């Protein structure tokens, strides 16, 4: 058997990488995909484009005799390394490519000064075993909820009344309020991520809201066409109200499809509120961590690769 080789993935390869990912993810409800349709002319996933722009050294491709087996990507924010992507084509699984890619990602995090490692992954036995073998521990389930427009309207109306909030998109585009975003990110995720906030606001053109609790900005939320979240708050009450704002902003963007939200199970108030209006749990993911001590009880994740 030839030796598995790793090399850095180039930006020009992103369309092919998207095709590879979709070929693997087509049967996983937790992941958006083109349902296995192979189309090299499709638009590059903007999340991948954002990640490779800011973390180009975190993208890796596994090959054997010039045949692509899979790829992995990671991004580092502050001292936390997040496993953004890890895929191995079905016909090549079980041959060590996944473990080799994960080891390279961990080395990249170490070289970048990371002290914490995080992964949001599907409930797949091989993935669980691989992470456990490399020192990760399971931290919490994450539910992918599907929410109808009628239920979303009802829930947004109820949650936004809990605490005062307002649309601050214009302020954040001009960096007014960045200090509040950084403070809330440090409390909820132990990181700061200005490049990601800029991406959500300017590239994806999501709208954002702040929720105030007393005299202090206590939570932020993002919403737009086809995306609800991320949401984060220094208290559960503030984060719950901010979830209402995220749904409200997504509805105002004119999305006519079912909204999807990725809610960590420890955020029980949000899980209960969604269940009460009839939201469906469409799939479950798991958060794994290494050196991480977070509760995830005041946040709603954004995309899987950029939680």
C-alpha atoms as a PDB file:
ATOM      1  CA  UNK A   1       0.000   0.000   0.000  1.00  0.00           C
ATOM      2  CA  UNK A   2       1.369   3.393  -0.950  1.00  0.00           C
ATOM      3  CA  UNK A   3       2.001   5.936   1.763  1.00  0.00           C
ATOM      4  CA  UNK A   4      -0.650   8.605   2.385  1.00  0.00           C
ATOM      5  CA  UNK A   5       0.784  12.042   1.680  1.00  0.00           C
ATOM      6  CA  UNK A   6      -0.463  15.431   2.862  1.00  0.00           C
ATOM      7  CA  UNK A   7      -0.047  18.780   1.197  1.00  0.00           C
ATOM      8  CA  UNK A   8      -1.475  22.226   1.680  1.00  0.00           C
ATOM      9  CA  UNK A   9      -4.695  22.867  -0.237  1.00  0.00           C
ATOM     10  CA  UNK A  10      -4.570  25.775  -2.677  1.00  0.00           C
ATOM     11  CA  UNK A  11      -7.368  28.307  -3.089  1.00  0.00           C
ATOM     12  CA  UNK A  12      -7.841  27.210  -6.718  1.00  0.00           C
ATOM     13  CA  UNK A  13      -8.841  23.762  -5.480  1.00  0.00           C
ATOM     14  CA  UNK A  14     -11.846  24.974  -3.477  1.00  0.00           C
ATOM     15  CA  UNK A  15     -14.450  24.049  -6.133  1.00  0.00           C
ATOM     16  CA  UNK A  16     -13.132  20.493  -6.173  1.00  0.00           C
ATOM     17  CA  UNK A  17     -13.003  20.423  -2.379  1.00  0.00           C
ATOM     18  CA  UNK A  18     -16.661  21.474  -2.267  1.00  0.00           C
ATOM     19  CA  UNK A  19     -17.529  18.613  -4.625  1.00  0.00           C
ATOM     20  CA  UNK A  20     -15.613  16.161  -2.429  1.00  0.00           C
ATOM     21  CA  UNK A  21     -17.382  17.356   0.703  1.00  0.00           C
ATOM     22  CA  UNK A  22     -20.795  17.136  -0.921  1.00  0.00           C
ATOM     23  CA  UNK A  23     -20.100  13.595  -2.089  1.00  0.00           C
ATOM     24  CA  UNK A  24     -19.501  12.575   1.539  1.00  0.00           C
ATOM     25  CA  UNK A  25     -22.093  14.797   3.211  1.00  0.00           C
ATOM     26  CA  UNK A  26     -24.997  14.044   0.892  1.00  0.00           C
ATOM     27  CA  UNK A  27     -26.411  11.460   3.294  1.00  0.00           C
ATOM     28  CA  UNK A  28     -25.861  13.496   6.468  1.00  0.00           C
ATOM     29  CA  UNK A  29     -28.845  15.649   7.435  1.00  0.00           C
ATOM     30  CA  UNK A  30     -26.678  17.910   9.598  1.00  0.00           C
ATOM     31  CA  UNK A  31     -24.712  19.232   6.642  1.00  0.00           C
ATOM     32  CA  UNK A  32     -25.812  21.388   3.708  1.00  0.00           C
ATOM     33  CA  UNK A  33     -24.885  19.808   0.423  1.00  0.00           C
ATOM     34  CA  UNK A  34     -25.807  19.554  -3.227  1.00  0.00           C
ATOM     35  CA  UNK A  35     -27.118  16.054  -2.505  1.00  0.00           C
ATOM     36  CA  UNK A  36     -24.190  14.414  -4.219  1.00  0.00           C
ATOM     37  CA  UNK A  37     -24.516  16.365  -7.452  1.00  0.00           C
ATOM     38  CA  UNK A  38     -21.026  16.813  -8.867  1.00  0.00           C
ATOM     39  CA  UNK A  39     -20.711  20.270 -10.393  1.00  0.00           C
ATOM     40  CA  UNK A  40     -17.294  21.852 -10.695  1.00  0.00           C
ATOM     41  CA  UNK A  41     -18.888  25.039 -12.028  1.00  0.00           C
ATOM     42  CA  UNK A  42     -20.866  25.707  -8.857  1.00  0.00           C
ATOM     43  CA  UNK A  43     -20.099  28.712  -6.691  1.00  0.00           C
ATOM     44  CA  UNK A  44     -17.421  28.145  -4.075  1.00  0.00           C
ATOM     45  CA  UNK A  45     -18.792  27.857  -0.560  1.00  0.00           C
ATOM     46  CA  UNK A  46     -18.286  31.385   0.855  1.00  0.00           C
ATOM     47  CA  UNK A  47     -17.453  29.960   4.298  1.00  0.00           C
ATOM     48  CA  UNK A  48     -14.586  27.946   2.815  1.00  0.00           C
ATOM     49  CA  UNK A  49     -13.396  30.995   0.884  1.00  0.00           C
ATOM     50  CA  UNK A  50     -13.418  33.053   4.091  1.00  0.00           C
ATOM     51  CA  UNK A  51     -11.540  30.412   6.063  1.00  0.00           C
ATOM     52  CA  UNK A  52      -8.805  29.874   3.474  1.00  0.00           C
ATOM     53  CA  UNK A  53      -8.343  33.651   3.181  1.00  0.00           C
ATOM     54  CA  UNK A  54      -7.530  34.000   6.873  1.00  0.00           C
ATOM     55  CA  UNK A  55      -6.145  30.520   7.677  1.00  0.00           C
ATOM     56  CA  UNK A  56      -4.519  29.282   4.431  1.00  0.00           C
ATOM     57  CA  UNK A  57      -1.994  27.170   6.333  1.00  0.00           C
ATOM     58  CA  UNK A  58      -4.843  25.242   7.971  1.00  0.00           C
ATOM     59  CA  UNK A  59      -6.093  23.563   4.769  1.00  0.00           C
ATOM     60  CA  UNK A  60      -4.750  20.092   3.919  1.00  0.00           C
ATOM     61  CA  UNK A  61      -5.380  17.489   1.224  1.00  0.00           C
ATOM     62  CA  UNK A  62      -4.578  13.777   1.625  1.00  0.00           C
ATOM     63  CA  UNK A  63      -3.413  11.926  -1.481  1.00  0.00           C
ATOM     64  CA  UNK A  64      -2.150   8.513  -2.457  1.00  0.00           C
ATOM     65  CA  UNK A  65      -0.483   7.999  -5.829  1.00  0.00           C
ATOM     66  CA  UNK A  66      -1.874  11.390  -6.910  1.00  0.00           C
ATOM     67  CA  UNK A  67      -5.436  10.333  -6.032  1.00  0.00           C
ATOM     68  CA  UNK A  68      -7.288  12.586  -3.583  1.00  0.00           C
ATOM     69  CA  UNK A  69      -8.491  10.726  -0.499  1.00  0.00           C
ATOM     70  CA  UNK A  70      -9.885  13.574   1.578  1.00  0.00           C
ATOM     71  CA  UNK A  71      -9.227  16.975   3.073  1.00  0.00           C
ATOM     72  CA  UNK A  72      -9.247  18.826   6.368  1.00  0.00           C
ATOM     73  CA  UNK A  73      -9.268  22.451   7.418  1.00  0.00           C
ATOM     74  CA  UNK A  74      -8.901  24.281  10.704  1.00  0.00           C
ATOM     75  CA  UNK A  75      -9.017  27.889  11.832  1.00  0.00           C
ATOM     76  CA  UNK A  76      -7.437  29.523  14.858  1.00  0.00           C
ATOM     77  CA  UNK A  77      -9.080  32.303  16.834  1.00  0.00           C
ATOM     78  CA  UNK A  78      -7.106  33.617  19.797  1.00  0.00           C
ATOM     79  CA  UNK A  79      -5.680  30.405  21.310  1.00  0.00           C
ATOM     80  CA  UNK A  80      -8.476  28.101  20.163  1.00  0.00           C
ATOM     81  CA  UNK A  81      -8.119  25.857  17.109  1.00  0.00           C
ATOM     82  CA  UNK A  82     -11.408  24.772  15.547  1.00  0.00           C
ATOM     83  CA  UNK A  83     -11.648  21.771  13.247  1.00  0.00           C
ATOM     84  CA  UNK A  84     -13.552  23.344  10.364  1.00  0.00           C
ATOM     85  CA  UNK A  85     -13.717  20.391   7.987  1.00  0.00           C
ATOM     86  CA  UNK A  86     -12.610  16.752   7.902  1.00  0.00           C
ATOM     87  CA  UNK A  87     -13.799  14.527   5.050  1.00  0.00           C
ATOM     88  CA  UNK A  88     -12.585  11.279   3.543  1.00  0.00           C
ATOM     89  CA  UNK A  89     -14.232   9.847   0.439  1.00  0.00           C
ATOM     90  CA  UNK A  90     -16.243   6.695   1.254  1.00  0.00           C
ATOM     91  CA  UNK A  91     -14.122   4.396  -0.911  1.00  0.00           C
ATOM     92  CA  UNK A  92     -10.994   5.487   0.972  1.00  0.00           C
ATOM     93  CA  UNK A  93     -12.299   5.364   4.536  1.00  0.00           C
ATOM     94  CA  UNK A  94     -10.701   2.999   7.034  1.00  0.00           C
ATOM     95  CA  UNK A  95      -7.205   3.400   5.611  1.00  0.00           C
ATOM     96  CA  UNK A  96      -5.859   6.035   7.996  1.00  0.00           C
ATOM     97  CA  UNK A  97      -6.377   9.175   5.923  1.00  0.00           C
ATOM     98  CA  UNK A  98      -8.704  10.743   8.497  1.00  0.00           C
ATOM     99  CA  UNK A  99      -6.316  10.223  11.389  1.00  0.00           C
ATOM    100  CA  UNK A 100      -3.402  11.529   9.322  1.00  0.00           C
ATOM    101  CA  UNK A 101      -5.366  14.670   8.459  1.00  0.00           C
ATOM    102  CA  UNK A 102      -6.448  15.208  12.073  1.00  0.00           C
ATOM    103  CA  UNK A 103      -2.860  14.873  13.290  1.00  0.00           C
ATOM    104  CA  UNK A 104      -1.764  17.531  10.815  1.00  0.00           C
ATOM    105  CA  UNK A 105      -4.577  19.829  11.971  1.00  0.00           C
ATOM    106  CA  UNK A 106      -3.484  19.390  15.593  1.00  0.00           C
ATOM    107  CA  UNK A 107       0.108  20.174  14.628  1.00  0.00           C
ATOM    108  CA  UNK A 108      -1.085  23.300  12.823  1.00  0.00           C
ATOM    109  CA  UNK A 109      -2.947  24.379  15.957  1.00  0.00           C
ATOM    110  CA  UNK A 110       0.110  23.750  18.130  1.00  0.00           C
ATOM    111  CA  UNK A 111       2.333  25.782  15.804  1.00  0.00           C
ATOM    112  CA  UNK A 112      -0.229  28.601  15.874  1.00  0.00           C
ATOM    113  CA  UNK A 113      -0.124  28.770  19.669  1.00  0.00           C
ATOM    114  CA  UNK A 114      -3.486  27.088  20.326  1.00  0.00           C
ATOM    115  CA  UNK A 115      -4.162  25.781  23.812  1.00  0.00           C
ATOM    116  CA  UNK A 116      -7.708  24.639  23.111  1.00  0.00           C
ATOM    117  CA  UNK A 117      -9.121  22.472  20.321  1.00  0.00           C
ATOM    118  CA  UNK A 118     -12.770  22.275  19.330  1.00  0.00           C
ATOM    119  CA  UNK A 119     -14.733  20.180  16.831  1.00  0.00           C
ATOM    120  CA  UNK A 120     -18.418  20.120  15.848  1.00  0.00           C
ATOM    121  CA  UNK A 121     -18.961  16.757  14.181  1.00  0.00           C
ATOM    122  CA  UNK A 122     -21.711  14.366  13.051  1.00  0.00           C
ATOM    123  CA  UNK A 123     -22.714  11.419  15.211  1.00  0.00           C
ATOM    124  CA  UNK A 124     -20.664   8.931  13.226  1.00  0.00           C
ATOM    125  CA  UNK A 125     -18.830   6.076  15.033  1.00  0.00           C
ATOM    126  CA  UNK A 126     -15.585   6.418  13.085  1.00  0.00           C
ATOM    127  CA  UNK A 127     -15.405  10.154  13.746  1.00  0.00           C
ATOM    128  CA  UNK A 128     -16.095   9.682  17.460  1.00  0.00           C
ATOM    129  CA  UNK A 129     -13.417   7.006  17.783  1.00  0.00           C
ATOM    130  CA  UNK A 130     -10.833   9.085  15.934  1.00  0.00           C
ATOM    131  CA  UNK A 131     -11.384  12.142  18.119  1.00  0.00           C
ATOM    132  CA  UNK A 132     -11.261  10.064  21.308  1.00  0.00           C
ATOM    133  CA  UNK A 133      -8.004   8.478  20.130  1.00  0.00           C
ATOM    134  CA  UNK A 134      -6.514  11.970  19.810  1.00  0.00           C
ATOM    135  CA  UNK A 135      -7.434  13.211  23.272  1.00  0.00           C
ATOM    136  CA  UNK A 136     -10.759  14.911  22.544  1.00  0.00           C
ATOM    137  CA  UNK A 137     -13.685  14.459  24.926  1.00  0.00           C
ATOM    138  CA  UNK A 138     -17.411  14.824  24.137  1.00  0.00           C
ATOM    139  CA  UNK A 139     -18.847  18.034  25.609  1.00  0.00           C
ATOM    140  CA  UNK A 140     -22.454  18.412  24.444  1.00  0.00           C
ATOM    141  CA  UNK A 141     -24.986  17.416  21.806  1.00  0.00           C
ATOM    142  CA  UNK A 142     -26.001  20.112  19.325  1.00  0.00           C
ATOM    143  CA  UNK A 143     -29.490  19.923  17.839  1.00  0.00           C
ATOM    144  CA  UNK A 144     -30.218  21.018  14.295  1.00  0.00           C
ATOM    145  CA  UNK A 145     -33.751  22.422  14.525  1.00  0.00           C
ATOM    146  CA  UNK A 146     -36.059  23.048  11.601  1.00  0.00           C
ATOM    147  CA  UNK A 147     -38.521  25.883  12.207  1.00  0.00           C
ATOM    148  CA  UNK A 148     -41.496  26.756   9.988  1.00  0.00           C
ATOM    149  CA  UNK A 149     -42.169  30.368   9.074  1.00  0.00           C
ATOM    150  CA  UNK A 150     -45.342  30.477  11.194  1.00  0.00           C
ATOM    151  CA  UNK A 151     -43.578  29.052  14.243  1.00  0.00           C
ATOM    152  CA  UNK A 152     -40.574  31.309  13.676  1.00  0.00           C
ATOM    153  CA  UNK A 153     -42.800  34.403  13.610  1.00  0.00           C
ATOM    154  CA  UNK A 154     -44.516  33.372  16.838  1.00  0.00           C
ATOM    155  CA  UNK A 155     -41.264  32.560  18.627  1.00  0.00           C
ATOM    156  CA  UNK A 156     -39.452  35.712  17.487  1.00  0.00           C
ATOM    157  CA  UNK A 157     -42.322  37.867  18.742  1.00  0.00           C
ATOM    158  CA  UNK A 158     -42.236  36.230  22.170  1.00  0.00           C
ATOM    159  CA  UNK A 159     -38.462  36.186  22.681  1.00  0.00           C
ATOM    160  CA  UNK A 160     -37.703  39.718  21.502  1.00  0.00           C
ATOM    161  CA  UNK A 161     -40.049  41.033  24.198  1.00  0.00           C
ATOM    162  CA  UNK A 162     -38.000  39.484  27.000  1.00  0.00           C
ATOM    163  CA  UNK A 163     -35.327  42.196  27.045  1.00  0.00           C
ATOM    164  CA  UNK A 164     -34.748  45.408  25.062  1.00  0.00           C
ATOM    165  CA  UNK A 165     -32.808  44.993  21.836  1.00  0.00           C
ATOM    166  CA  UNK A 166     -32.154  46.772  18.568  1.00  0.00           C
ATOM    167  CA  UNK A 167     -30.682  46.284  15.124  1.00  0.00           C
ATOM    168  CA  UNK A 168     -27.054  47.475  15.250  1.00  0.00           C
ATOM    169  CA  UNK A 169     -25.915  46.351  11.795  1.00  0.00           C
ATOM    170  CA  UNK A 170     -24.846  49.826  10.689  1.00  0.00           C
ATOM    171  CA  UNK A 171     -22.929  50.433  13.907  1.00  0.00           C
ATOM    172  CA  UNK A 172     -21.041  47.153  13.638  1.00  0.00           C
ATOM    173  CA  UNK A 173     -20.153  47.671   9.977  1.00  0.00           C
ATOM    174  CA  UNK A 174     -18.327  50.824  11.091  1.00  0.00           C
ATOM    175  CA  UNK A 175     -16.792  48.925  14.055  1.00  0.00           C
ATOM    176  CA  UNK A 176     -18.825  50.772  16.665  1.00  0.00           C
ATOM    177  CA  UNK A 177     -19.668  48.066  19.175  1.00  0.00           C
ATOM    178  CA  UNK A 178     -16.736  45.774  18.389  1.00  0.00           C
ATOM    179  CA  UNK A 179     -15.639  45.929  22.027  1.00  0.00           C
ATOM    180  CA  UNK A 180     -19.013  44.505  23.091  1.00  0.00           C
ATOM    181  CA  UNK A 181     -18.720  41.679  20.551  1.00  0.00           C
ATOM    182  CA  UNK A 182     -15.225  40.849  21.808  1.00  0.00           C
ATOM    183  CA  UNK A 183     -16.337  40.847  25.449  1.00  0.00           C
ATOM    184  CA  UNK A 184     -19.275  38.524  24.802  1.00  0.00           C
ATOM    185  CA  UNK A 185     -17.140  36.190  22.659  1.00  0.00           C
ATOM    186  CA  UNK A 186     -14.569  35.932  25.429  1.00  0.00           C
ATOM    187  CA  UNK A 187     -17.267  35.048  27.977  1.00  0.00           C
ATOM    188  CA  UNK A 188     -19.032  32.468  25.819  1.00  0.00           C
ATOM    189  CA  UNK A 189     -16.246  31.026  23.651  1.00  0.00           C
ATOM    190  CA  UNK A 190     -12.943  32.155  25.215  1.00  0.00           C
ATOM    191  CA  UNK A 191     -11.967  33.789  21.905  1.00  0.00           C
ATOM    192  CA  UNK A 192     -12.222  36.991  19.919  1.00  0.00           C
ATOM    193  CA  UNK A 193     -13.105  36.766  16.235  1.00  0.00           C
ATOM    194  CA  UNK A 194     -13.261  40.145  14.547  1.00  0.00           C
ATOM    195  CA  UNK A 195     -12.488  38.641  11.126  1.00  0.00           C
ATOM    196  CA  UNK A 196     -15.577  36.431  11.398  1.00  0.00           C
ATOM    197  CA  UNK A 197     -17.830  39.300  12.453  1.00  0.00           C
ATOM    198  CA  UNK A 198     -16.582  41.324   9.490  1.00  0.00           C
ATOM    199  CA  UNK A 199     -17.328  38.376   7.222  1.00  0.00           C
ATOM    200  CA  UNK A 200     -20.891  37.917   8.479  1.00  0.00           C
ATOM    201  CA  UNK A 201     -21.623  41.620   8.228  1.00  0.00           C
ATOM    202  CA  UNK A 202     -19.874  42.616   5.014  1.00  0.00           C
ATOM    203  CA  UNK A 203     -19.545  39.511   2.856  1.00  0.00           C
ATOM    204  CA  UNK A 204     -22.709  37.625   3.795  1.00  0.00           C
ATOM    205  CA  UNK A 205     -24.584  40.864   4.550  1.00  0.00           C
ATOM    206  CA  UNK A 206     -26.249  39.396   7.616  1.00  0.00           C
ATOM    207  CA  UNK A 207     -27.932  41.783  10.003  1.00  0.00           C
ATOM    208  CA  UNK A 208     -27.038  41.966  13.666  1.00  0.00           C
ATOM    209  CA  UNK A 209     -28.737  42.951  16.901  1.00  0.00           C
ATOM    210  CA  UNK A 210     -27.645  43.723  20.437  1.00  0.00           C
ATOM    211  CA  UNK A 211     -29.698  42.877  23.527  1.00  0.00           C
ATOM    212  CA  UNK A 212     -29.324  44.984  26.629  1.00  0.00           C
ATOM    213  CA  UNK A 213     -29.697  43.726  30.183  1.00  0.00           C
ATOM    214  CA  UNK A 214     -29.732  46.602  32.624  1.00  0.00           C
ATOM    215  CA  UNK A 215     -27.119  49.122  31.547  1.00  0.00           C
ATOM    216  CA  UNK A 216     -24.930  46.627  29.699  1.00  0.00           C
ATOM    217  CA  UNK A 217     -24.915  45.059  26.249  1.00  0.00           C
ATOM    218  CA  UNK A 218     -25.397  41.416  27.185  1.00  0.00           C
ATOM    219  CA  UNK A 219     -25.890  39.516  23.904  1.00  0.00           C
ATOM    220  CA  UNK A 220     -25.515  39.698  20.147  1.00  0.00           C
ATOM    221  CA  UNK A 221     -27.213  37.838  17.325  1.00  0.00           C
ATOM    222  CA  UNK A 222     -27.020  37.469  13.554  1.00  0.00           C
ATOM    223  CA  UNK A 223     -29.749  36.647  11.085  1.00  0.00           C
ATOM    224  CA  UNK A 224     -30.210  36.779   7.344  1.00  0.00           C
ATOM    225  CA  UNK A 225     -31.305  34.819   4.334  1.00  0.00           C
ATOM    226  CA  UNK A 226     -30.655  31.130   5.005  1.00  0.00           C
ATOM    227  CA  UNK A 227     -28.793  31.720   8.273  1.00  0.00           C
ATOM    228  CA  UNK A 228     -29.862  32.075  11.901  1.00  0.00           C
ATOM    229  CA  UNK A 229     -26.943  32.657  14.254  1.00  0.00           C
ATOM    230  CA  UNK A 230     -24.480  32.815  15.692  1.00  0.00           C
ATOM    231  CA  UNK A 231     -26.026  34.026  18.937  1.00  0.00           C
ATOM    232  CA  UNK A 232     -24.087  34.588  22.148  1.00  0.00           C
ATOM    233  CA  UNK A 233     -24.907  36.160  25.477  1.00  0.00           C
ATOM    234  CA  UNK A 234     -23.281  36.821  28.835  1.00  0.00           C
ATOM    235  CA  UNK A 235     -26.486  35.476  30.455  1.00  0.00           C
ATOM    236  CA  UNK A 236     -29.027  32.882  29.340  1.00  0.00           C
ATOM    237  CA  UNK A 237     -31.881  35.406  29.441  1.00  0.00           C
ATOM    238  CA  UNK A 238     -29.994  37.791  27.160  1.00  0.00           C
ATOM    239  CA  UNK A 239     -29.017  34.994  24.778  1.00  0.00           C
ATOM    240  CA  UNK A 240     -32.623  33.780  24.639  1.00  0.00           C
ATOM    241  CA  UNK A 241     -33.859  37.249  23.705  1.00  0.00           C
ATOM    242  CA  UNK A 242     -31.038  37.521  21.151  1.00  0.00           C
ATOM    243  CA  UNK A 243     -32.210  34.243  19.610  1.00  0.00           C
ATOM    244  CA  UNK A 244     -35.550  35.927  19.019  1.00  0.00           C
ATOM    245  CA  UNK A 245     -33.755  38.766  17.259  1.00  0.00           C
ATOM    246  CA  UNK A 246     -31.775  36.338  15.090  1.00  0.00           C
ATOM    247  CA  UNK A 247     -34.998  34.676  13.953  1.00  0.00           C
ATOM    248  CA  UNK A 248     -36.651  38.071  13.418  1.00  0.00           C
ATOM    249  CA  UNK A 249     -33.754  39.283  11.256  1.00  0.00           C
ATOM    250  CA  UNK A 250     -33.823  36.082   9.198  1.00  0.00           C
ATOM    251  CA  UNK A 251     -37.552  36.492   8.623  1.00  0.00           C
ATOM    252  CA  UNK A 252     -37.118  40.104   7.569  1.00  0.00           C
ATOM    253  CA  UNK A 253     -34.492  39.006   5.043  1.00  0.00           C
ATOM    254  CA  UNK A 254     -37.316  37.319   3.186  1.00  0.00           C
ATOM    255  CA  UNK A 255     -36.297  33.697   3.598  1.00  0.00           C
ATOM    256  CA  UNK A 256     -39.308  31.622   2.581  1.00  0.00           C
ATOM    257  CA  UNK A 257     -37.776  28.272   3.488  1.00  0.00           C
ATOM    258  CA  UNK A 258     -37.745  26.472   6.803  1.00  0.00           C
ATOM    259  CA  UNK A 259     -35.241  28.132   9.118  1.00  0.00           C
ATOM    260  CA  UNK A 260     -32.469  25.984  10.578  1.00  0.00           C
ATOM    261  CA  UNK A 261     -30.748  26.591  13.915  1.00  0.00           C
ATOM    262  CA  UNK A 262     -27.900  24.734  15.623  1.00  0.00           C
ATOM    263  CA  UNK A 263     -28.556  24.864  19.353  1.00  0.00           C
ATOM    264  CA  UNK A 264     -26.289  23.257  21.977  1.00  0.00           C
ATOM    265  CA  UNK A 265     -28.302  21.048  24.317  1.00  0.00           C
ATOM    266  CA  UNK A 266     -27.049  22.862  27.471  1.00  0.00           C
ATOM    267  CA  UNK A 267     -28.917  25.984  26.283  1.00  0.00           C
ATOM    268  CA  UNK A 268     -32.044  24.383  27.689  1.00  0.00           C
ATOM    269  CA  UNK A 269     -34.188  27.544  27.639  1.00  0.00           C
ATOM    270  CA  UNK A 270     -33.709  27.824  23.869  1.00  0.00           C
ATOM    271  CA  UNK A 271     -34.310  24.106  23.305  1.00  0.00           C
ATOM    272  CA  UNK A 272     -37.538  24.273  25.354  1.00  0.00           C
ATOM    273  CA  UNK A 273     -38.745  27.424  23.575  1.00  0.00           C
ATOM    274  CA  UNK A 274     -38.182  25.866  20.158  1.00  0.00           C
ATOM    275  CA  UNK A 275     -39.903  22.638  21.104  1.00  0.00           C
ATOM    276  CA  UNK A 276     -42.908  24.537  22.474  1.00  0.00           C
ATOM    277  CA  UNK A 277     -43.617  26.125  19.078  1.00  0.00           C
ATOM    278  CA  UNK A 278     -43.230  22.847  17.223  1.00  0.00           C
ATOM    279  CA  UNK A 279     -39.655  23.056  15.949  1.00  0.00           C
ATOM    280  CA  UNK A 280     -38.355  19.687  14.745  1.00  0.00           C
ATOM    281  CA  UNK A 281     -35.002  18.174  15.646  1.00  0.00           C
ATOM    282  CA  UNK A 282     -33.737  17.192  12.205  1.00  0.00           C
ATOM    283  CA  UNK A 283     -30.369  15.812  13.275  1.00  0.00           C
ATOM    284  CA  UNK A 284     -27.809  15.888  16.062  1.00  0.00           C
ATOM    285  CA  UNK A 285     -24.145  16.787  16.105  1.00  0.00           C
ATOM    286  CA  UNK A 286     -21.648  16.615  18.951  1.00  0.00           C
ATOM    287  CA  UNK A 287     -19.188  19.184  20.274  1.00  0.00           C
ATOM    288  CA  UNK A 288     -15.837  17.669  21.154  1.00  0.00           C
ATOM    289  CA  UNK A 289     -13.091  19.546  22.959  1.00  0.00           C
ATOM    290  CA  UNK A 290      -9.481  19.185  23.980  1.00  0.00           C
ATOM    291  CA  UNK A 291      -8.337  21.507  26.745  1.00  0.00           C
ATOM    292  CA  UNK A 292     -11.695  23.310  26.548  1.00  0.00           C
ATOM    293  CA  UNK A 293     -13.839  24.136  29.584  1.00  0.00           C
ATOM    294  CA  UNK A 294     -16.987  25.768  28.203  1.00  0.00           C
ATOM    295  CA  UNK A 295     -20.652  25.084  28.946  1.00  0.00           C
ATOM    296  CA  UNK A 296     -22.236  26.232  25.649  1.00  0.00           C
ATOM    297  CA  UNK A 297     -25.364  27.171  27.604  1.00  0.00           C
ATOM    298  CA  UNK A 298     -25.687  30.731  26.264  1.00  0.00           C
ATOM    299  CA  UNK A 299     -25.053  30.396  22.557  1.00  0.00           C
ATOM    300  CA  UNK A 300     -26.424  29.243  19.218  1.00  0.00           C
ATOM    301  CA  UNK A 301     -23.892  28.200  16.595  1.00  0.00           C
ATOM    302  CA  UNK A 302     -23.576  29.514  13.068  1.00  0.00           C
ATOM    303  CA  UNK A 303     -22.402  27.255  10.218  1.00  0.00           C
ATOM    304  CA  UNK A 304     -20.894  23.888  11.115  1.00  0.00           C
ATOM    305  CA  UNK A 305     -17.469  24.872   9.783  1.00  0.00           C
ATOM    306  CA  UNK A 306     -17.546  28.266  11.537  1.00  0.00           C
ATOM    307  CA  UNK A 307     -19.488  27.667  14.778  1.00  0.00           C
END
